[in-house]
Amino acid sequence: MQLELRHLEAVRQIAEAGSLGRAAARLGVSQPALSAQLRRIERVTGGELFVRGRLGVTPTPLGEYVLSVARRVLGEMEALAAGARAAAPHPTLRLGCIHLVLVERLIARLEEELPDHEIDMAIEHSVTTLTRMLGAGHYDAILYGEVADHEVPLPDSAAARTLISKEPACVRLSATHPLAGQEQIDLVDLAGETWLTIAEDDDGGPEAMVSACLRAGFTPKLRYRINDRKIRYDLIATGRAISLSQPTSPHAEGTVLRPLAGDPLTGRVRLAWNRAAVSERRAGLLYRAAGRAYLDGVPDNTFYRAWWEARPELHPVLD
């Protein structure tokens, strides 16, 4: 057997994940299949690449050498592919996003800003997945959020701009909730509520929510982790849970969106791109399309429109 790029990718994923199980999930294979592949790779390289321990796997000296070569070779191949796409007359733009509200309006704005480009857009539930796939060359650019002080680590090949530097978190609750009639809600008044979030909320949101609630004097009760938006809204509408939400979120039948008094929790929206695949000009057009898509949703919430208009220093510069 000769080593191939897929073998080098397997070694890299095992090292980055720190365990065969997590690496197998990232690669979309079973753990036994990945273990068998690793044994074949180790036969070719002439020795054990990882030491298995109670807390996962760590590279051996031989593994460190193979890993360093693997990263260099894979990086060069990814740069080659990205550069070739960038040199094409009208390259396809491969865009990855978490489920930000602006994504629903983004296609129309991309068609206006990049009329000659094919758009390949995918939604991921994990920011970690987005950044890994950006670094691996599967995406040319990504749109994602960060909550409170959390900073998402980006690959060395990426450049980034902040689209929205600050937006306040709102709370979505049932239209029949006792607090639904208030113009704004104090976080402490939600102390007895059941909360839900998405399954892989790795943008710093859950940690920031817990911290904000602790500052308000209580520990939030998180019961549901659900990605499907309809199921989440149904749970909220029937009064089984509440959730944090972006202020530009659309109306959902049976629910209301209310601001939290004093803005105890805020987030950011960012754009990152692979410098080898996306030129500065194209990145600027993508930034402008995303900014216009975000602004399209500001008027949907009366509270947020007033909040936003009072803070022009937060507005993205789109010219």
Protein backbone atom coordinates (compact mmCIF):
# COMPACT_ATOMS: atom_id res chain seq x y z
CA MET A 1 0.00 0.00 0.00
CA GLN A 2 1.17 3.53 -0.81
CA LEU A 3 0.23 6.55 1.25
CA GLU A 4 -2.43 8.74 -0.34
CA LEU A 5 -3.86 12.14 0.55
CA ARG A 6 -6.81 10.50 2.30
CA HIS A 7 -4.37 8.70 4.61
CA LEU A 8 -2.62 11.96 5.47
CA GLU A 9 -6.01 13.55 6.15
CA ALA A 10 -6.89 10.68 8.49
CA VAL A 11 -3.67 11.23 10.45
CA ARG A 12 -4.34 14.95 10.68
CA GLN A 13 -7.91 14.48 11.83
CA ILE A 14 -6.93 11.95 14.51
CA ALA A 15 -4.31 14.35 15.87
CA GLU A 16 -6.64 17.37 15.84
CA ALA A 17 -9.61 15.49 17.30
CA GLY A 18 -7.54 13.81 20.00
CA SER A 19 -9.49 10.57 19.74
CA LEU A 20 -10.36 8.00 17.10
CA GLY A 21 -14.06 8.34 17.85
CA ARG A 22 -14.20 12.08 17.25
CA ALA A 23 -11.95 11.82 14.20
CA ALA A 24 -14.17 9.11 12.73
CA ALA A 25 -17.23 11.34 13.19
CA ARG A 26 -15.48 14.21 11.40
CA LEU A 27 -14.43 11.95 8.53
CA GLY A 28 -17.85 10.30 8.25
CA VAL A 29 -16.59 6.75 8.85
CA SER A 30 -17.01 4.24 11.65
CA GLN A 31 -14.42 4.06 14.42
CA PRO A 32 -13.48 0.42 13.60
CA ALA A 33 -12.93 1.39 9.97
CA LEU A 34 -10.67 4.29 10.98
CA SER A 35 -8.76 2.06 13.42
CA ALA A 36 -8.14 -0.47 10.66
CA GLN A 37 -7.00 2.29 8.31
CA LEU A 38 -4.61 3.65 10.94
CA ARG A 39 -3.07 0.18 11.37
CA ARG A 40 -2.47 0.00 7.61
CA ILE A 41 -0.88 3.47 7.64
CA GLU A 42 1.35 2.46 10.55
CA ARG A 43 2.54 -0.61 8.64
CA VAL A 44 3.62 1.65 5.77
CA THR A 45 5.31 4.23 7.99
CA GLY A 46 7.06 1.53 10.00
CA GLY A 47 5.79 2.19 13.50
CA GLU A 48 3.09 3.37 15.84
CA LEU A 49 1.88 6.92 15.14
CA PHE A 50 -0.29 7.46 18.23
CA VAL A 51 -0.25 6.32 21.83
CA ARG A 52 -3.71 5.49 23.10
CA GLY A 53 -4.47 6.59 26.65
CA ARG A 54 -7.37 7.13 28.99
CA LEU A 55 -7.87 10.71 27.75
CA GLY A 56 -7.48 9.96 24.04
CA VAL A 57 -4.52 9.66 21.68
CA THR A 58 -1.23 11.58 21.45
CA PRO A 59 1.32 11.40 18.62
CA THR A 60 4.53 9.42 19.07
CA PRO A 61 7.81 10.97 17.82
CA LEU A 62 7.24 9.15 14.53
CA GLY A 63 3.66 10.38 14.54
CA GLU A 64 4.80 13.98 15.03
CA TYR A 65 7.07 13.66 11.99
CA VAL A 66 4.36 12.12 9.79
CA LEU A 67 1.87 14.71 11.04
CA SER A 68 4.16 17.62 10.18
CA VAL A 69 4.64 16.30 6.63
CA ALA A 70 0.93 15.57 6.29
CA ARG A 71 -0.01 19.12 7.28
CA ARG A 72 2.49 20.60 4.85
CA VAL A 73 1.40 18.41 1.92
CA LEU A 74 -2.31 18.86 2.59
CA GLY A 75 -1.84 22.61 2.99
CA GLU A 76 -0.08 22.83 -0.35
CA MET A 77 -2.81 20.80 -2.08
CA GLU A 78 -5.52 22.96 -0.53
CA ALA A 79 -3.70 26.12 -1.62
CA LEU A 80 -3.35 24.69 -5.15
CA ALA A 81 -7.05 23.94 -5.38
CA ALA A 82 -8.02 27.32 -3.93
CA GLY A 83 -5.67 29.19 -6.27
CA ALA A 84 -6.98 27.34 -9.31
CA ARG A 85 -10.57 28.24 -8.39
CA ALA A 86 -9.65 31.87 -7.84
CA ALA A 87 -8.02 32.02 -11.29
CA ALA A 88 -11.16 30.77 -13.03
CA PRO A 89 -13.13 33.50 -14.91
CA HIS A 90 -16.29 33.05 -12.82
CA PRO A 91 -15.47 30.67 -9.98
CA THR A 92 -18.20 29.05 -7.92
CA LEU A 93 -18.43 30.62 -4.47
CA ARG A 94 -18.69 27.89 -1.84
CA LEU A 95 -20.19 29.50 1.22
CA GLY A 96 -20.75 27.85 4.59
CA CYS A 97 -23.00 29.40 7.23
CA ILE A 98 -24.46 28.68 10.59
CA HIS A 99 -28.20 29.33 10.66
CA LEU A 100 -28.04 33.09 11.08
CA VAL A 101 -31.25 34.93 10.29
CA LEU A 102 -29.60 36.92 7.48
CA VAL A 103 -28.90 33.70 5.53
CA GLU A 104 -32.56 33.52 4.49
CA ARG A 105 -32.19 36.86 2.66
CA LEU A 106 -28.62 36.35 1.49
CA ILE A 107 -29.18 34.54 -1.82
CA ALA A 108 -31.01 37.51 -3.37
CA ARG A 109 -28.28 39.90 -2.25
CA LEU A 110 -25.51 37.61 -3.54
CA GLU A 111 -27.23 37.48 -6.94
CA GLU A 112 -27.10 41.29 -7.05
CA GLU A 113 -23.49 41.66 -5.91
CA LEU A 114 -22.03 38.61 -7.72
CA PRO A 115 -24.32 38.17 -10.75
CA ASP A 116 -21.87 36.05 -12.76
CA HIS A 117 -21.01 33.60 -9.99
CA GLU A 118 -22.53 30.28 -9.14
CA ILE A 119 -23.33 30.09 -5.43
CA ASP A 120 -22.94 26.85 -3.50
CA MET A 121 -24.29 27.46 0.01
CA ALA A 122 -24.50 24.99 2.88
CA ILE A 123 -25.82 25.35 6.42
CA GLU A 124 -23.88 23.84 9.31
CA HIS A 125 -24.95 23.66 12.95
CA SER A 126 -21.38 23.85 14.28
CA VAL A 127 -18.97 26.79 14.03
CA THR A 128 -16.14 24.32 14.63
CA THR A 129 -17.21 22.38 11.56
CA LEU A 130 -17.34 25.59 9.51
CA THR A 131 -13.82 26.68 10.41
CA ARG A 132 -12.38 23.20 9.92
CA MET A 133 -13.96 22.96 6.46
CA LEU A 134 -12.72 26.45 5.58
CA GLY A 135 -9.21 25.39 6.52
CA ALA A 136 -9.55 22.15 4.56
CA GLY A 137 -10.63 23.99 1.42
CA HIS A 138 -14.21 22.71 1.38
CA TYR A 139 -15.55 26.26 1.78
CA ASP A 140 -14.23 29.47 0.25
CA ALA A 141 -15.91 31.65 2.88
CA ILE A 142 -17.99 31.26 6.02
CA LEU A 143 -20.53 33.38 7.91
CA TYR A 144 -20.78 32.75 11.63
CA GLY A 145 -21.60 34.28 14.98
CA GLU A 146 -19.74 34.80 18.23
CA VAL A 147 -21.40 35.48 21.59
CA ALA A 148 -20.01 37.70 24.36
CA ASP A 149 -16.19 37.41 24.58
CA HIS A 150 -15.92 34.12 22.70
CA GLU A 151 -13.53 34.22 19.72
CA VAL A 152 -13.71 31.48 17.12
CA PRO A 153 -10.19 30.30 16.14
CA LEU A 154 -9.60 30.54 12.39
CA PRO A 155 -7.11 28.69 10.17
CA ASP A 156 -3.92 30.52 9.21
CA SER A 157 -5.08 30.71 5.59
CA ALA A 158 -8.14 32.79 6.51
CA ALA A 159 -8.86 36.50 6.63
CA ALA A 160 -11.88 37.87 8.46
CA ARG A 161 -14.04 40.98 8.91
CA THR A 162 -16.67 41.74 11.50
CA LEU A 163 -20.00 42.40 9.83
CA ILE A 164 -22.06 43.30 12.89
CA SER A 165 -19.94 44.19 15.92
CA LYS A 166 -22.77 44.10 18.45
CA GLU A 167 -26.36 42.97 18.55
CA PRO A 168 -28.43 42.37 21.70
CA ALA A 169 -29.87 38.94 22.41
CA CYS A 170 -33.63 38.76 22.71
CA VAL A 171 -35.76 36.07 24.31
CA ARG A 172 -38.44 34.17 22.41
CA LEU A 173 -41.34 32.91 24.50
CA SER A 174 -44.93 31.82 24.12
CA ALA A 175 -47.46 34.49 23.21
CA THR A 176 -49.48 33.27 26.22
CA HIS A 177 -46.54 33.61 28.64
CA PRO A 178 -47.25 35.94 31.60
CA LEU A 179 -44.31 38.14 30.52
CA ALA A 180 -45.30 38.30 26.84
CA GLY A 181 -47.07 41.63 27.26
CA GLN A 182 -44.01 43.45 28.58
CA GLU A 183 -41.99 45.69 26.28
CA GLN A 184 -38.76 44.29 27.74
CA ILE A 185 -37.93 41.55 30.21
CA ASP A 186 -35.47 41.47 33.08
CA LEU A 187 -33.31 38.37 32.85
CA VAL A 188 -33.88 37.58 36.53
CA ASP A 189 -37.61 37.22 35.84
CA LEU A 190 -36.79 34.15 33.71
CA ALA A 191 -35.15 32.28 36.59
CA GLY A 192 -37.70 29.47 36.69
CA GLU A 193 -37.92 28.87 32.95
CA THR A 194 -36.81 25.89 30.87
CA TRP A 195 -34.41 26.87 28.09
CA LEU A 196 -33.58 25.31 24.74
CA THR A 197 -30.67 25.77 22.38
CA ILE A 198 -29.36 24.12 19.23
CA ALA A 199 -27.56 20.79 19.48
CA GLU A 200 -24.04 22.05 18.64
CA ASP A 201 -24.03 25.59 19.93
CA ASP A 202 -20.25 26.17 19.94
CA ASP A 203 -20.25 29.93 19.32
CA GLY A 204 -19.91 30.69 23.01
CA GLY A 205 -23.67 31.12 23.42
CA PRO A 206 -24.46 28.54 26.13
CA GLU A 207 -21.49 29.59 28.24
CA ALA A 208 -22.37 33.26 27.90
CA MET A 209 -26.02 32.57 28.74
CA VAL A 210 -25.06 30.68 31.90
CA SER A 211 -22.68 33.48 32.91
CA ALA A 212 -25.34 36.16 32.36
CA CYS A 213 -27.90 34.18 34.34
CA LEU A 214 -25.43 33.62 37.19
CA ARG A 215 -24.80 37.37 37.32
CA ALA A 216 -28.58 37.79 37.56
CA GLY A 217 -28.62 35.38 40.50
CA PHE A 218 -29.77 32.04 39.09
CA THR A 219 -28.64 28.98 37.15
CA PRO A 220 -30.62 28.40 33.93
CA LYS A 221 -32.33 25.04 33.40
CA LEU A 222 -31.35 23.77 29.95
CA ARG A 223 -33.48 20.83 28.87
CA TYR A 224 -33.68 20.79 25.07
CA ARG A 225 -30.98 20.85 22.39
CA ILE A 226 -32.79 20.90 19.05
CA ASN A 227 -31.64 22.02 15.60
CA ASP A 228 -34.97 21.88 13.76
CA ARG A 229 -36.43 25.39 13.84
CA LYS A 230 -40.08 24.30 13.53
CA ILE A 231 -39.79 21.93 16.48
CA ARG A 232 -38.10 24.64 18.53
CA TYR A 233 -40.81 27.18 17.75
CA ASP A 234 -43.54 24.63 18.52
CA LEU A 235 -41.99 23.94 21.94
CA ILE A 236 -41.88 27.64 22.67
CA ALA A 237 -45.40 28.31 21.39
CA THR A 238 -46.82 25.62 23.67
CA GLY A 239 -45.00 27.09 26.66
CA ARG A 240 -42.58 24.20 27.20
CA ALA A 241 -39.43 26.29 26.80
CA ILE A 242 -37.94 29.66 25.95
CA SER A 243 -34.80 30.50 23.98
CA LEU A 244 -32.42 33.27 23.12
CA SER A 245 -32.79 34.69 19.64
CA GLN A 246 -31.30 37.23 17.27
CA PRO A 247 -33.26 40.49 17.24
CA THR A 248 -33.76 40.23 13.46
CA SER A 249 -35.55 36.87 13.78
CA PRO A 250 -38.89 36.66 11.95
CA HIS A 251 -42.26 36.26 13.57
CA ALA A 252 -43.21 32.70 14.52
CA GLU A 253 -46.86 31.85 15.11
CA GLY A 254 -47.72 31.57 18.79
CA THR A 255 -44.48 33.21 20.00
CA VAL A 256 -43.21 36.70 20.74
CA LEU A 257 -39.74 38.19 20.73
CA ARG A 258 -38.82 40.51 23.57
CA PRO A 259 -35.59 42.41 24.39
CA LEU A 260 -33.72 41.75 27.60
CA ALA A 261 -33.41 44.81 29.80
CA GLY A 262 -29.90 46.22 29.91
CA ASP A 263 -28.55 44.03 27.08
CA PRO A 264 -26.98 41.41 29.39
CA LEU A 265 -25.97 39.29 26.42
CA THR A 266 -24.67 40.44 23.03
CA GLY A 267 -23.22 38.79 19.97
CA ARG A 268 -21.33 39.50 16.75
CA VAL A 269 -21.64 38.39 13.12
CA ARG A 270 -18.41 37.73 11.20
CA LEU A 271 -17.30 36.80 7.71
CA ALA A 272 -14.11 34.81 7.06
CA TRP A 273 -12.64 33.66 3.76
CA ASN A 274 -9.72 31.70 2.33
CA ARG A 275 -7.28 34.31 1.03
CA ALA A 276 -6.06 31.99 -1.74
CA ALA A 277 -9.58 31.32 -3.05
CA VAL A 278 -11.30 34.70 -2.60
CA SER A 279 -9.81 37.96 -3.87
CA GLU A 280 -10.09 41.14 -1.82
CA ARG A 281 -12.59 42.50 -4.32
CA ARG A 282 -14.79 39.41 -4.16
CA ALA A 283 -14.54 39.36 -0.37
CA GLY A 284 -15.74 42.99 -0.36
CA LEU A 285 -18.73 42.12 -2.54
CA LEU A 286 -19.56 39.17 -0.30
CA TYR A 287 -19.31 41.41 2.75
CA ARG A 288 -21.63 43.95 1.16
CA ALA A 289 -24.17 41.29 0.20
CA ALA A 290 -24.18 39.90 3.75
CA GLY A 291 -24.47 43.39 5.23
CA ARG A 292 -27.42 44.29 3.02
CA ALA A 293 -29.10 40.96 3.86
CA TYR A 294 -28.71 41.74 7.56
CA LEU A 295 -30.11 45.26 7.18
CA ASP A 296 -33.12 43.85 5.33
CA GLY A 297 -34.19 42.22 8.60
CA VAL A 298 -33.75 45.20 10.94
CA PRO A 299 -37.23 46.69 10.29
CA ASP A 300 -38.93 43.40 11.27
CA ASN A 301 -38.59 44.16 14.99
CA THR A 302 -39.84 47.53 16.24
CA PHE A 303 -37.64 47.41 19.33
CA TYR A 304 -34.54 46.52 17.37
CA ARG A 305 -35.12 49.15 14.69
CA ALA A 306 -35.05 51.87 17.37
CA TRP A 307 -32.05 50.25 19.12
CA TRP A 308 -30.16 50.01 15.83
CA GLU A 309 -30.92 53.52 14.58
CA ALA A 310 -29.66 54.96 17.89
CA ARG A 311 -26.25 53.32 17.38
CA PRO A 312 -24.90 54.34 13.94
CA GLU A 313 -21.37 53.47 15.05
CA LEU A 314 -22.34 49.77 14.87
CA HIS A 315 -23.57 49.92 11.27
CA PRO A 316 -21.47 48.10 8.67
CA VAL A 317 -19.74 50.27 6.04
CA LEU A 318 -21.01 48.85 2.74
CA ASP A 319 -19.74 51.34 0.17
